[in-house]
Structures are given as C-alpha cells and as structure tokens.
PDB file of all heavy atoms in Angstrom:
ATOM      1  N   VAL A   1     -29.754  -5.487  -5.155  1.00  0.00           N
ATOM      2  CA  VAL A   1     -28.677  -6.083  -4.498  1.00  0.00           C
ATOM      3  C   VAL A   1     -27.772  -6.825  -5.573  1.00  0.00           C
ATOM      4  O   VAL A   1     -28.177  -7.208  -6.660  1.00  0.00           O
ATOM      5  CB  VAL A   1     -28.973  -6.983  -3.447  1.00  0.00           C
ATOM      6  CG1 VAL A   1     -29.720  -6.347  -2.368  1.00  0.00           C
ATOM      7  CG2 VAL A   1     -29.909  -8.119  -4.022  1.00  0.00           C
ATOM      8  N   GLY A   2     -26.475  -6.911  -5.317  1.00  0.00           N
ATOM      9  CA  GLY A   2     -25.541  -7.663  -6.249  1.00  0.00           C
ATOM     10  C   GLY A   2     -25.776  -9.072  -6.164  1.00  0.00           C
ATOM     11  O   GLY A   2     -26.126  -9.665  -5.118  1.00  0.00           O
ATOM     12  N   ARG A   3     -25.632  -9.765  -7.196  1.00  0.00           N
ATOM     13  CA  ARG A   3     -25.761 -11.102  -7.273  1.00  0.00           C
ATOM     14  C   ARG A   3     -24.480 -11.889  -6.828  1.00  0.00           C
ATOM     15  O   ARG A   3     -23.403 -11.237  -6.917  1.00  0.00           O
ATOM     16  CB  ARG A   3     -26.085 -11.598  -8.811  1.00  0.00           C
ATOM     17  CG  ARG A   3     -27.298 -10.963  -9.369  1.00  0.00           C
ATOM     18  CD  ARG A   3     -27.509 -11.400 -10.729  1.00  0.00           C
ATOM     19  NE  ARG A   3     -27.639 -12.928 -10.854  1.00  0.00           N
ATOM     20  CZ  ARG A   3     -27.364 -13.551 -12.043  1.00  0.00           C
ATOM     21  NH1 ARG A   3     -27.234 -12.900 -13.145  1.00  0.00           N
ATOM     22  NH2 ARG A   3     -27.519 -14.866 -12.039  1.00  0.00           N
ATOM     23  N   LEU A   4     -24.672 -13.065  -6.343  1.00  0.00           N
ATOM     24  CA  LEU A   4     -23.501 -13.722  -5.735  1.00  0.00           C
ATOM     25  C   LEU A   4     -23.318 -15.158  -6.494  1.00  0.00           C
ATOM     26  O   LEU A   4     -24.352 -15.688  -6.948  1.00  0.00           O
ATOM     27  CB  LEU A   4     -23.761 -14.078  -4.405  1.00  0.00           C
ATOM     28  CG  LEU A   4     -23.832 -12.751  -3.369  1.00  0.00           C
ATOM     29  CD1 LEU A   4     -24.153 -13.113  -2.011  1.00  0.00           C
ATOM     30  CD2 LEU A   4     -22.501 -12.003  -3.412  1.00  0.00           C
ATOM     31  N   LEU A   5     -22.123 -15.554  -6.583  1.00  0.00           N
ATOM     32  CA  LEU A   5     -21.726 -16.932  -7.128  1.00  0.00           C
ATOM     33  C   LEU A   5     -21.171 -17.732  -5.925  1.00  0.00           C
ATOM     34  O   LEU A   5     -20.201 -17.312  -5.349  1.00  0.00           O
ATOM     35  CB  LEU A   5     -20.784 -16.811  -8.213  1.00  0.00           C
ATOM     36  CG  LEU A   5     -20.353 -18.176  -8.786  1.00  0.00           C
ATOM     37  CD1 LEU A   5     -21.484 -18.951  -9.461  1.00  0.00           C
ATOM     38  CD2 LEU A   5     -19.162 -17.874  -9.759  1.00  0.00           C
ATOM     39  N   THR A   6     -21.890 -18.700  -5.456  1.00  0.00           N
ATOM     40  CA  THR A   6     -21.442 -19.361  -4.295  1.00  0.00           C
ATOM     41  C   THR A   6     -20.668 -20.730  -4.608  1.00  0.00           C
ATOM     42  O   THR A   6     -21.251 -21.480  -5.383  1.00  0.00           O
ATOM     43  CB  THR A   6     -22.675 -19.743  -3.253  1.00  0.00           C
ATOM     44  OG1 THR A   6     -23.268 -18.531  -2.923  1.00  0.00           O
ATOM     45  CG2 THR A   6     -22.158 -20.517  -2.099  1.00  0.00           C
ATOM     46  N   LEU A   7     -19.447 -20.879  -4.159  1.00  0.00           N
ATOM     47  CA  LEU A   7     -18.759 -21.970  -4.493  1.00  0.00           C
ATOM     48  C   LEU A   7     -17.971 -22.503  -3.301  1.00  0.00           C
ATOM     49  O   LEU A   7     -17.879 -21.940  -2.205  1.00  0.00           O
ATOM     50  CB  LEU A   7     -17.688 -21.613  -5.616  1.00  0.00           C
ATOM     51  CG  LEU A   7     -18.180 -21.137  -6.915  1.00  0.00           C
ATOM     52  CD1 LEU A   7     -17.019 -20.564  -7.754  1.00  0.00           C
ATOM     53  CD2 LEU A   7     -18.772 -22.250  -7.764  1.00  0.00           C
ATOM     54  N   ALA A   8     -17.421 -23.703  -3.484  1.00  0.00           N
ATOM     55  CA  ALA A   8     -16.594 -24.246  -2.330  1.00  0.00           C
ATOM     56  C   ALA A   8     -15.133 -23.758  -2.475  1.00  0.00           C
ATOM     57  O   ALA A   8     -14.683 -23.459  -3.656  1.00  0.00           O
ATOM     58  CB  ALA A   8     -16.591 -25.855  -2.392  1.00  0.00           C
ATOM     59  N   GLY A   9     -14.516 -23.661  -1.365  1.00  0.00           N
ATOM     60  CA  GLY A   9     -13.079 -23.188  -1.387  1.00  0.00           C
ATOM     61  C   GLY A   9     -12.241 -23.991  -0.335  1.00  0.00           C
ATOM     62  O   GLY A   9     -12.815 -24.696   0.527  1.00  0.00           O
ATOM     63  N   ASP A  10     -10.978 -23.784  -0.404  1.00  0.00           N
ATOM     64  CA  ASP A  10     -10.023 -24.396   0.493  1.00  0.00           C
ATOM     65  C   ASP A  10      -9.244 -23.414   1.231  1.00  0.00           C
ATOM     66  O   ASP A  10      -8.786 -22.372   0.600  1.00  0.00           O
ATOM     67  CB  ASP A  10      -9.045 -25.297  -0.347  1.00  0.00           C
ATOM     68  CG  ASP A  10      -9.715 -26.420  -1.044  1.00  0.00           C
ATOM     69  OD1 ASP A  10     -10.367 -27.251  -0.433  1.00  0.00           O
ATOM     70  OD2 ASP A  10      -9.591 -26.333  -2.256  1.00  0.00           O
ATOM     71  N   LEU A  11      -8.988 -23.481   2.550  1.00  0.00           N
ATOM     72  CA  LEU A  11      -8.133 -22.573   3.267  1.00  0.00           C
ATOM     73  C   LEU A  11      -6.687 -23.111   3.143  1.00  0.00           C
ATOM     74  O   LEU A  11      -6.326 -24.296   3.256  1.00  0.00           O
ATOM     75  CB  LEU A  11      -8.549 -22.702   4.755  1.00  0.00           C
ATOM     76  CG  LEU A  11      -9.880 -22.230   5.119  1.00  0.00           C
ATOM     77  CD1 LEU A  11     -10.171 -22.165   6.607  1.00  0.00           C
ATOM     78  CD2 LEU A  11     -10.211 -20.750   4.443  1.00  0.00           C
ATOM     79  N   LEU A  12      -5.804 -22.146   2.900  1.00  0.00           N
ATOM     80  CA  LEU A  12      -4.456 -22.294   2.690  1.00  0.00           C
ATOM     81  C   LEU A  12      -3.621 -21.578   3.648  1.00  0.00           C
ATOM     82  O   LEU A  12      -4.096 -20.427   4.135  1.00  0.00           O
ATOM     83  CB  LEU A  12      -4.030 -21.927   1.226  1.00  0.00           C
ATOM     84  CG  LEU A  12      -4.832 -22.520   0.066  1.00  0.00           C
ATOM     85  CD1 LEU A  12      -4.371 -21.986  -1.220  1.00  0.00           C
ATOM     86  CD2 LEU A  12      -4.676 -24.042   0.063  1.00  0.00           C
ATOM     87  N   LEU A  13      -2.362 -21.985   3.904  1.00  0.00           N
ATOM     88  CA  LEU A  13      -1.525 -21.254   4.668  1.00  0.00           C
ATOM     89  C   LEU A  13      -0.532 -20.461   3.824  1.00  0.00           C
ATOM     90  O   LEU A  13       0.395 -21.155   3.184  1.00  0.00           O
ATOM     91  CB  LEU A  13      -0.749 -22.186   5.594  1.00  0.00           C
ATOM     92  CG  LEU A  13       0.363 -21.637   6.656  1.00  0.00           C
ATOM     93  CD1 LEU A  13      -0.285 -20.758   7.540  1.00  0.00           C
ATOM     94  CD2 LEU A  13       1.159 -22.623   7.189  1.00  0.00           C
ATOM     95  N   PRO A  14      -0.572 -19.246   3.726  1.00  0.00           N
ATOM     96  CA  PRO A  14       0.419 -18.474   2.847  1.00  0.00           C
ATOM     97  C   PRO A  14       1.703 -18.391   3.564  1.00  0.00           C
ATOM     98  O   PRO A  14       1.846 -18.148   4.757  1.00  0.00           O
ATOM     99  CB  PRO A  14      -0.312 -17.083   2.831  1.00  0.00           C
ATOM    100  CG  PRO A  14      -1.048 -16.879   4.041  1.00  0.00           C
ATOM    101  CD  PRO A  14      -1.551 -18.274   4.391  1.00  0.00           C
ATOM    102  N   LEU A  15       2.827 -18.591   2.754  1.00  0.00           N
ATOM    103  CA  LEU A  15       4.132 -18.535   3.227  1.00  0.00           C
ATOM    104  C   LEU A  15       4.778 -17.208   3.040  1.00  0.00           C
ATOM    105  O   LEU A  15       5.994 -17.008   3.305  1.00  0.00           O
ATOM    106  CB  LEU A  15       4.950 -19.683   2.694  1.00  0.00           C
ATOM    107  CG  LEU A  15       4.503 -21.023   3.068  1.00  0.00           C
ATOM    108  CD1 LEU A  15       5.558 -22.113   2.575  1.00  0.00           C
ATOM    109  CD2 LEU A  15       4.358 -21.153   4.566  1.00  0.00           C
ATOM    110  N   ALA A  16       4.004 -16.251   2.589  1.00  0.00           N
ATOM    111  CA  ALA A  16       4.661 -14.820   2.375  1.00  0.00           C
ATOM    112  C   ALA A  16       3.505 -13.825   2.598  1.00  0.00           C
ATOM    113  O   ALA A  16       2.344 -14.198   2.232  1.00  0.00           O
ATOM    114  CB  ALA A  16       5.261 -14.716   1.007  1.00  0.00           C
ATOM    115  N   ARG A  17       3.807 -12.776   2.968  1.00  0.00           N
ATOM    116  CA  ARG A  17       2.681 -11.721   3.192  1.00  0.00           C
ATOM    117  C   ARG A  17       2.326 -11.104   1.896  1.00  0.00           C
ATOM    118  O   ARG A  17       3.182 -10.417   1.239  1.00  0.00           O
ATOM    119  CB  ARG A  17       3.158 -10.627   4.196  1.00  0.00           C
ATOM    120  CG  ARG A  17       3.617 -11.287   5.583  1.00  0.00           C
ATOM    121  CD  ARG A  17       3.936 -10.153   6.537  1.00  0.00           C
ATOM    122  NE  ARG A  17       5.014  -9.265   6.107  1.00  0.00           N
ATOM    123  CZ  ARG A  17       6.269  -9.531   6.251  1.00  0.00           C
ATOM    124  NH1 ARG A  17       6.542 -10.629   6.843  1.00  0.00           N
ATOM    125  NH2 ARG A  17       7.225  -8.862   5.803  1.00  0.00           N
ATOM    126  N   PRO A  18       1.076 -11.191   1.452  1.00  0.00           N
ATOM    127  CA  PRO A  18       0.756 -10.697   0.207  1.00  0.00           C
ATOM    128  C   PRO A  18       0.767  -9.164   0.159  1.00  0.00           C
ATOM    129  O   PRO A  18       0.745  -8.599  -0.948  1.00  0.00           O
ATOM    130  CB  PRO A  18      -0.827 -11.224   0.000  1.00  0.00           C
ATOM    131  CG  PRO A  18      -1.123 -11.420   1.436  1.00  0.00           C
ATOM    132  CD  PRO A  18      -0.057 -11.903   2.251  1.00  0.00           C
ATOM    133  N   ASP A  19       0.659  -8.501   1.328  1.00  0.00           N
ATOM    134  CA  ASP A  19       0.866  -6.948   1.299  1.00  0.00           C
ATOM    135  C   ASP A  19       2.203  -6.487   1.459  1.00  0.00           C
ATOM    136  O   ASP A  19       2.367  -5.269   1.475  1.00  0.00           O
ATOM    137  CB  ASP A  19      -0.028  -6.570   2.500  1.00  0.00           C
ATOM    138  CG  ASP A  19       0.437  -6.988   3.880  1.00  0.00           C
ATOM    139  OD1 ASP A  19       1.213  -8.033   3.864  1.00  0.00           O
ATOM    140  OD2 ASP A  19      -0.043  -6.524   4.913  1.00  0.00           O
ATOM    141  N   ASP A  20       3.136  -7.445   1.455  1.00  0.00           N
ATOM    142  CA  ASP A  20       4.576  -6.951   1.524  1.00  0.00           C
ATOM    143  C   ASP A  20       5.061  -6.837   0.064  1.00  0.00           C
ATOM    144  O   ASP A  20       5.421  -7.958  -0.506  1.00  0.00           O
ATOM    145  CB  ASP A  20       5.415  -7.936   2.399  1.00  0.00           C
ATOM    146  CG  ASP A  20       6.830  -7.481   2.644  1.00  0.00           C
ATOM    147  OD1 ASP A  20       7.123  -6.419   1.921  1.00  0.00           O
ATOM    148  OD2 ASP A  20       7.541  -8.117   3.306  1.00  0.00           O
ATOM    149  N   ARG A  21       5.197  -5.734  -0.436  1.00  0.00           N
ATOM    150  CA  ARG A  21       5.679  -5.505  -1.886  1.00  0.00           C
ATOM    151  C   ARG A  21       7.113  -5.915  -2.050  1.00  0.00           C
ATOM    152  O   ARG A  21       7.537  -6.155  -3.212  1.00  0.00           O
ATOM    153  CB  ARG A  21       5.386  -4.149  -2.329  1.00  0.00           C
ATOM    154  CG  ARG A  21       3.931  -3.727  -2.407  1.00  0.00           C
ATOM    155  CD  ARG A  21       3.752  -2.301  -2.771  1.00  0.00           C
ATOM    156  NE  ARG A  21       2.349  -1.849  -2.773  1.00  0.00           N
ATOM    157  CZ  ARG A  21       1.517  -2.021  -3.745  1.00  0.00           C
ATOM    158  NH1 ARG A  21       1.953  -2.461  -4.934  1.00  0.00           N
ATOM    159  NH2 ARG A  21       0.399  -1.631  -3.700  1.00  0.00           N
ATOM    160  N   SER A  22       7.787  -5.943  -1.027  1.00  0.00           N
ATOM    161  CA  SER A  22       9.289  -6.253  -1.073  1.00  0.00           C
ATOM    162  C   SER A  22       9.498  -7.789  -1.131  1.00  0.00           C
ATOM    163  O   SER A  22      10.490  -8.148  -1.437  1.00  0.00           O
ATOM    164  CB  SER A  22      10.007  -5.677   0.080  1.00  0.00           C
ATOM    165  OG  SER A  22       9.749  -6.183   1.273  1.00  0.00           O
ATOM    166  N   ASN A  23       8.522  -8.535  -0.725  1.00  0.00           N
ATOM    167  CA  ASN A  23       8.617 -10.013  -0.689  1.00  0.00           C
ATOM    168  C   ASN A  23       8.457 -10.558  -2.084  1.00  0.00           C
ATOM    169  O   ASN A  23       7.189 -10.517  -2.622  1.00  0.00           O
ATOM    170  CB  ASN A  23       7.698 -10.432   0.329  1.00  0.00           C
ATOM    171  CG  ASN A  23       8.074 -11.907   0.735  1.00  0.00           C
ATOM    172  OD1 ASN A  23       8.578 -12.755  -0.021  1.00  0.00           O
ATOM    173  ND2 ASN A  23       8.021 -12.146   2.083  1.00  0.00           N
ATOM    174  N   ARG A  24       9.331 -11.196  -2.612  1.00  0.00           N
ATOM    175  CA  ARG A  24       9.207 -11.720  -4.036  1.00  0.00           C
ATOM    176  C   ARG A  24       9.051 -13.249  -3.938  1.00  0.00           C
ATOM    177  O   ARG A  24       9.397 -14.054  -4.764  1.00  0.00           O
ATOM    178  CB  ARG A  24      10.408 -11.475  -4.838  1.00  0.00           C
ATOM    179  CG  ARG A  24      10.501  -9.910  -5.079  1.00  0.00           C
ATOM    180  CD  ARG A  24      11.625  -9.619  -6.147  1.00  0.00           C
ATOM    181  NE  ARG A  24      12.966 -10.002  -5.510  1.00  0.00           N
ATOM    182  CZ  ARG A  24      13.643  -9.186  -4.783  1.00  0.00           C
ATOM    183  NH1 ARG A  24      13.128  -7.973  -4.387  1.00  0.00           N
ATOM    184  NH2 ARG A  24      14.818  -9.506  -4.295  1.00  0.00           N
TER     185      ARG A  24
END
C-alpha cells in the first residue's frame, strides 16, 4: 500500500472555479 503523510489543513472558500480555464 502507498504510504501517507497526515497533516492538518484549513478549509477555504474559493472565489473562482479552479476548473474554469477562462477564469483568470
């Protein structure tokens, strides 16, 4: 099995769609 690195993270509110290539 693949090894994992477990860390803490923060949830953020994105203000632009990352899958929208036209959004700069």
